[in-house]
């Protein structure tokens, strides 16, 4: 994948909680921000998903524009 994506996973630190999943974030070509999807198992079992975005600094206007673009497409963060 080169330097185009950030791929990872998450899980609860509490062994009694079943929440876990994966994430795929596409990296901006200048590395200023990333956006993408996560999918996983909820605490009660069903598969859930959503989207998210992260930025290198709080002063990144690009990420706000990306979030607004996703919301305009009907994507809502969970």
N, C-alpha and C. Protein backbone atom coordinates (compact mmCIF):
# COMPACT_ATOMS: atom_id res chain seq x y z
N UNK A 1 0.81 -1.19 0.00
CA UNK A 1 0.00 0.00 0.00
C UNK A 1 0.86 1.26 0.00
N UNK A 2 2.14 1.14 0.20
CA UNK A 2 3.00 2.31 0.20
C UNK A 2 2.65 3.25 1.34
N UNK A 3 2.61 4.52 1.02
CA UNK A 3 2.29 5.54 2.02
C UNK A 3 0.91 6.14 1.75
N UNK A 4 0.00 5.33 1.23
CA UNK A 4 -1.32 5.81 0.85
C UNK A 4 -2.41 5.50 1.86
N UNK A 5 -2.15 4.59 2.80
CA UNK A 5 -3.22 4.18 3.71
C UNK A 5 -2.68 3.88 5.10
N UNK A 6 -3.56 4.07 6.05
CA UNK A 6 -3.30 3.68 7.43
C UNK A 6 -4.31 2.59 7.74
N UNK A 7 -3.83 1.40 8.03
CA UNK A 7 -4.70 0.26 8.29
C UNK A 7 -4.43 -0.22 9.70
N UNK A 8 -5.49 -0.50 10.45
CA UNK A 8 -5.28 -0.93 11.82
C UNK A 8 -6.48 -1.66 12.39
N UNK A 9 -6.43 -1.88 13.67
CA UNK A 9 -7.49 -2.58 14.36
C UNK A 9 -7.66 -1.98 15.74
N UNK A 10 -8.77 -2.27 16.37
CA UNK A 10 -9.01 -1.82 17.73
C UNK A 10 -9.72 -2.93 18.49
N UNK A 11 -9.61 -2.88 19.81
CA UNK A 11 -10.32 -3.82 20.67
C UNK A 11 -10.45 -3.19 22.04
N UNK A 12 -11.38 -3.70 22.79
CA UNK A 12 -11.58 -3.21 24.15
C UNK A 12 -10.45 -3.71 25.04
N UNK A 13 -10.08 -2.91 26.01
CA UNK A 13 -9.07 -3.36 26.97
C UNK A 13 -9.70 -4.21 28.06
N UNK A 14 -11.03 -4.24 28.10
CA UNK A 14 -11.77 -5.04 29.07
C UNK A 14 -12.12 -6.38 28.43
N UNK A 15 -11.62 -7.47 28.95
CA UNK A 15 -11.84 -8.80 28.36
C UNK A 15 -13.32 -9.17 28.31
N UNK A 16 -14.14 -8.60 29.15
CA UNK A 16 -15.56 -8.92 29.18
C UNK A 16 -16.35 -8.19 28.08
N UNK A 17 -15.72 -7.21 27.44
CA UNK A 17 -16.38 -6.43 26.38
C UNK A 17 -15.94 -6.96 25.02
N UNK A 18 -16.91 -7.24 24.15
CA UNK A 18 -16.61 -7.87 22.86
C UNK A 18 -16.29 -6.87 21.75
N UNK A 19 -16.34 -5.57 22.00
CA UNK A 19 -16.12 -4.58 20.95
C UNK A 19 -14.72 -4.71 20.36
N UNK A 20 -14.67 -4.87 19.03
CA UNK A 20 -13.40 -4.95 18.31
C UNK A 20 -13.66 -4.75 16.83
N UNK A 21 -12.63 -4.38 16.08
CA UNK A 21 -12.82 -4.18 14.65
C UNK A 21 -11.57 -3.69 13.95
N UNK A 22 -11.77 -3.24 12.71
CA UNK A 22 -10.66 -2.78 11.88
C UNK A 22 -10.96 -1.38 11.34
N UNK A 23 -9.92 -0.72 10.87
CA UNK A 23 -10.11 0.57 10.24
C UNK A 23 -9.20 0.71 9.03
N UNK A 24 -9.66 1.50 8.07
CA UNK A 24 -8.89 1.80 6.87
C UNK A 24 -9.03 3.29 6.63
N UNK A 25 -7.91 4.00 6.69
CA UNK A 25 -7.90 5.43 6.45
C UNK A 25 -7.01 5.74 5.26
N UNK A 26 -7.53 6.51 4.31
CA UNK A 26 -6.76 6.96 3.16
C UNK A 26 -5.99 8.21 3.58
N UNK A 27 -4.69 8.22 3.35
CA UNK A 27 -3.85 9.35 3.73
C UNK A 27 -3.82 10.40 2.63
N UNK A 28 -3.93 11.66 2.99
CA UNK A 28 -3.78 12.76 2.04
C UNK A 28 -2.35 12.73 1.50
N UNK A 29 -2.18 13.13 0.27
CA UNK A 29 -0.85 13.04 -0.37
C UNK A 29 0.23 13.83 0.36
N UNK A 30 -0.15 14.87 1.10
CA UNK A 30 0.84 15.65 1.86
C UNK A 30 0.91 15.22 3.32
N UNK A 31 0.12 14.22 3.69
CA UNK A 31 0.15 13.71 5.05
C UNK A 31 -0.51 14.60 6.09
N UNK A 32 -1.31 15.56 5.64
CA UNK A 32 -1.93 16.49 6.58
C UNK A 32 -3.14 15.90 7.28
N UNK A 33 -3.82 14.96 6.64
CA UNK A 33 -5.00 14.35 7.23
C UNK A 33 -5.29 13.01 6.59
N UNK A 34 -6.22 12.29 7.21
CA UNK A 34 -6.65 10.99 6.69
C UNK A 34 -8.14 10.83 6.98
N UNK A 35 -8.81 10.07 6.14
CA UNK A 35 -10.22 9.81 6.33
C UNK A 35 -10.54 8.40 5.85
N UNK A 36 -11.56 7.82 6.41
CA UNK A 36 -11.89 6.46 6.00
C UNK A 36 -12.99 5.84 6.84
N UNK A 37 -13.00 4.51 6.87
CA UNK A 37 -14.08 3.76 7.51
C UNK A 37 -13.55 2.81 8.56
N UNK A 38 -14.43 2.49 9.48
CA UNK A 38 -14.15 1.44 10.46
C UNK A 38 -15.33 0.47 10.43
N UNK A 39 -15.06 -0.76 10.73
CA UNK A 39 -16.10 -1.77 10.82
C UNK A 39 -15.73 -2.72 11.95
N UNK A 40 -16.73 -3.15 12.70
CA UNK A 40 -16.41 -4.02 13.83
C UNK A 40 -17.63 -4.66 14.45
N UNK A 41 -17.39 -5.33 15.56
CA UNK A 41 -18.44 -6.00 16.31
C UNK A 41 -18.79 -5.14 17.51
N UNK A 42 -20.07 -4.88 17.68
CA UNK A 42 -20.54 -4.10 18.81
C UNK A 42 -20.54 -4.96 20.06
N UNK A 43 -20.75 -4.35 21.20
CA UNK A 43 -20.73 -5.09 22.46
C UNK A 43 -21.76 -6.20 22.51
N UNK A 44 -22.88 -6.05 21.79
CA UNK A 44 -23.90 -7.09 21.82
C UNK A 44 -23.90 -7.99 20.59
N UNK A 45 -22.88 -7.87 19.73
CA UNK A 45 -22.70 -8.83 18.66
C UNK A 45 -22.84 -8.37 17.23
N UNK A 46 -23.80 -7.50 16.86
CA UNK A 46 -23.96 -7.19 15.44
C UNK A 46 -22.80 -6.38 14.87
N UNK A 47 -22.64 -6.49 13.57
CA UNK A 47 -21.60 -5.73 12.88
C UNK A 47 -22.07 -4.28 12.73
N UNK A 48 -21.19 -3.36 13.05
CA UNK A 48 -21.47 -1.93 12.94
C UNK A 48 -20.33 -1.29 12.14
N UNK A 49 -20.60 -0.12 11.56
CA UNK A 49 -19.55 0.59 10.83
C UNK A 49 -19.82 2.08 10.87
N UNK A 50 -18.82 2.84 10.48
CA UNK A 50 -18.93 4.29 10.45
C UNK A 50 -17.71 4.86 9.75
N UNK A 51 -17.60 6.17 9.75
CA UNK A 51 -16.45 6.80 9.13
C UNK A 51 -15.82 7.76 10.12
N UNK A 52 -14.61 8.14 9.81
CA UNK A 52 -13.91 9.06 10.68
C UNK A 52 -12.82 9.79 9.92
N UNK A 53 -12.29 10.80 10.54
CA UNK A 53 -11.21 11.59 9.95
C UNK A 53 -10.29 12.07 11.06
N UNK A 54 -9.01 12.14 10.75
CA UNK A 54 -8.03 12.65 11.69
C UNK A 54 -7.12 13.64 10.97
N UNK A 55 -6.53 14.54 11.73
CA UNK A 55 -5.63 15.53 11.16
C UNK A 55 -4.36 15.61 11.99
N UNK A 56 -3.29 16.04 11.35
CA UNK A 56 -2.01 16.16 12.03
C UNK A 56 -2.02 17.28 13.06
N UNK A 57 -2.72 18.37 12.74
CA UNK A 57 -2.83 19.51 13.66
C UNK A 57 -4.27 19.98 13.73
N UNK A 58 -4.59 20.79 14.71
CA UNK A 58 -5.93 21.36 14.82
C UNK A 58 -6.16 22.46 13.79
N UNK A 59 -5.12 22.94 13.15
CA UNK A 59 -5.22 24.06 12.22
C UNK A 59 -5.40 23.59 10.77
N UNK A 60 -5.81 22.36 10.57
CA UNK A 60 -5.97 21.82 9.23
C UNK A 60 -7.38 22.06 8.73
N UNK A 61 -7.54 23.02 7.83
CA UNK A 61 -8.84 23.31 7.25
C UNK A 61 -9.29 22.20 6.30
N UNK A 62 -8.33 21.47 5.72
CA UNK A 62 -8.66 20.42 4.77
C UNK A 62 -9.56 19.37 5.38
N UNK A 63 -9.33 19.03 6.61
CA UNK A 63 -10.11 17.96 7.24
C UNK A 63 -11.55 18.40 7.47
N UNK A 64 -11.75 19.67 7.80
CA UNK A 64 -13.11 20.17 7.96
C UNK A 64 -13.85 20.11 6.63
N UNK A 65 -13.18 20.46 5.55
CA UNK A 65 -13.79 20.38 4.22
C UNK A 65 -14.10 18.93 3.86
N UNK A 66 -13.23 18.00 4.24
CA UNK A 66 -13.45 16.59 3.96
C UNK A 66 -14.67 16.08 4.73
N UNK A 67 -14.79 16.44 5.99
CA UNK A 67 -15.94 16.04 6.80
C UNK A 67 -17.23 16.61 6.21
N UNK A 68 -17.23 17.86 5.82
CA UNK A 68 -18.41 18.47 5.21
C UNK A 68 -18.78 17.77 3.91
N UNK A 69 -17.78 17.38 3.13
CA UNK A 69 -18.02 16.65 1.89
C UNK A 69 -18.67 15.30 2.17
N UNK A 70 -18.17 14.58 3.18
CA UNK A 70 -18.75 13.29 3.54
C UNK A 70 -20.18 13.44 4.04
N UNK A 71 -20.43 14.47 4.84
CA UNK A 71 -21.77 14.71 5.35
C UNK A 71 -22.74 15.06 4.22
N UNK A 72 -22.26 15.80 3.21
CA UNK A 72 -23.09 16.16 2.06
C UNK A 72 -23.49 14.91 1.26
N UNK A 73 -22.65 13.88 1.31
CA UNK A 73 -22.96 12.63 0.62
C UNK A 73 -23.90 11.74 1.43
N UNK A 74 -24.27 12.20 2.62
CA UNK A 74 -25.17 11.44 3.46
C UNK A 74 -24.46 10.54 4.47
N UNK A 75 -23.17 10.65 4.56
CA UNK A 75 -22.41 9.87 5.55
C UNK A 75 -22.49 10.60 6.88
N UNK A 76 -22.89 9.91 7.90
CA UNK A 76 -22.98 10.49 9.23
C UNK A 76 -22.05 9.76 10.17
N UNK A 77 -21.24 10.48 10.93
CA UNK A 77 -20.37 9.81 11.89
C UNK A 77 -21.21 9.17 12.98
N UNK A 78 -20.72 8.05 13.47
CA UNK A 78 -21.46 7.36 14.54
C UNK A 78 -20.89 7.71 15.89
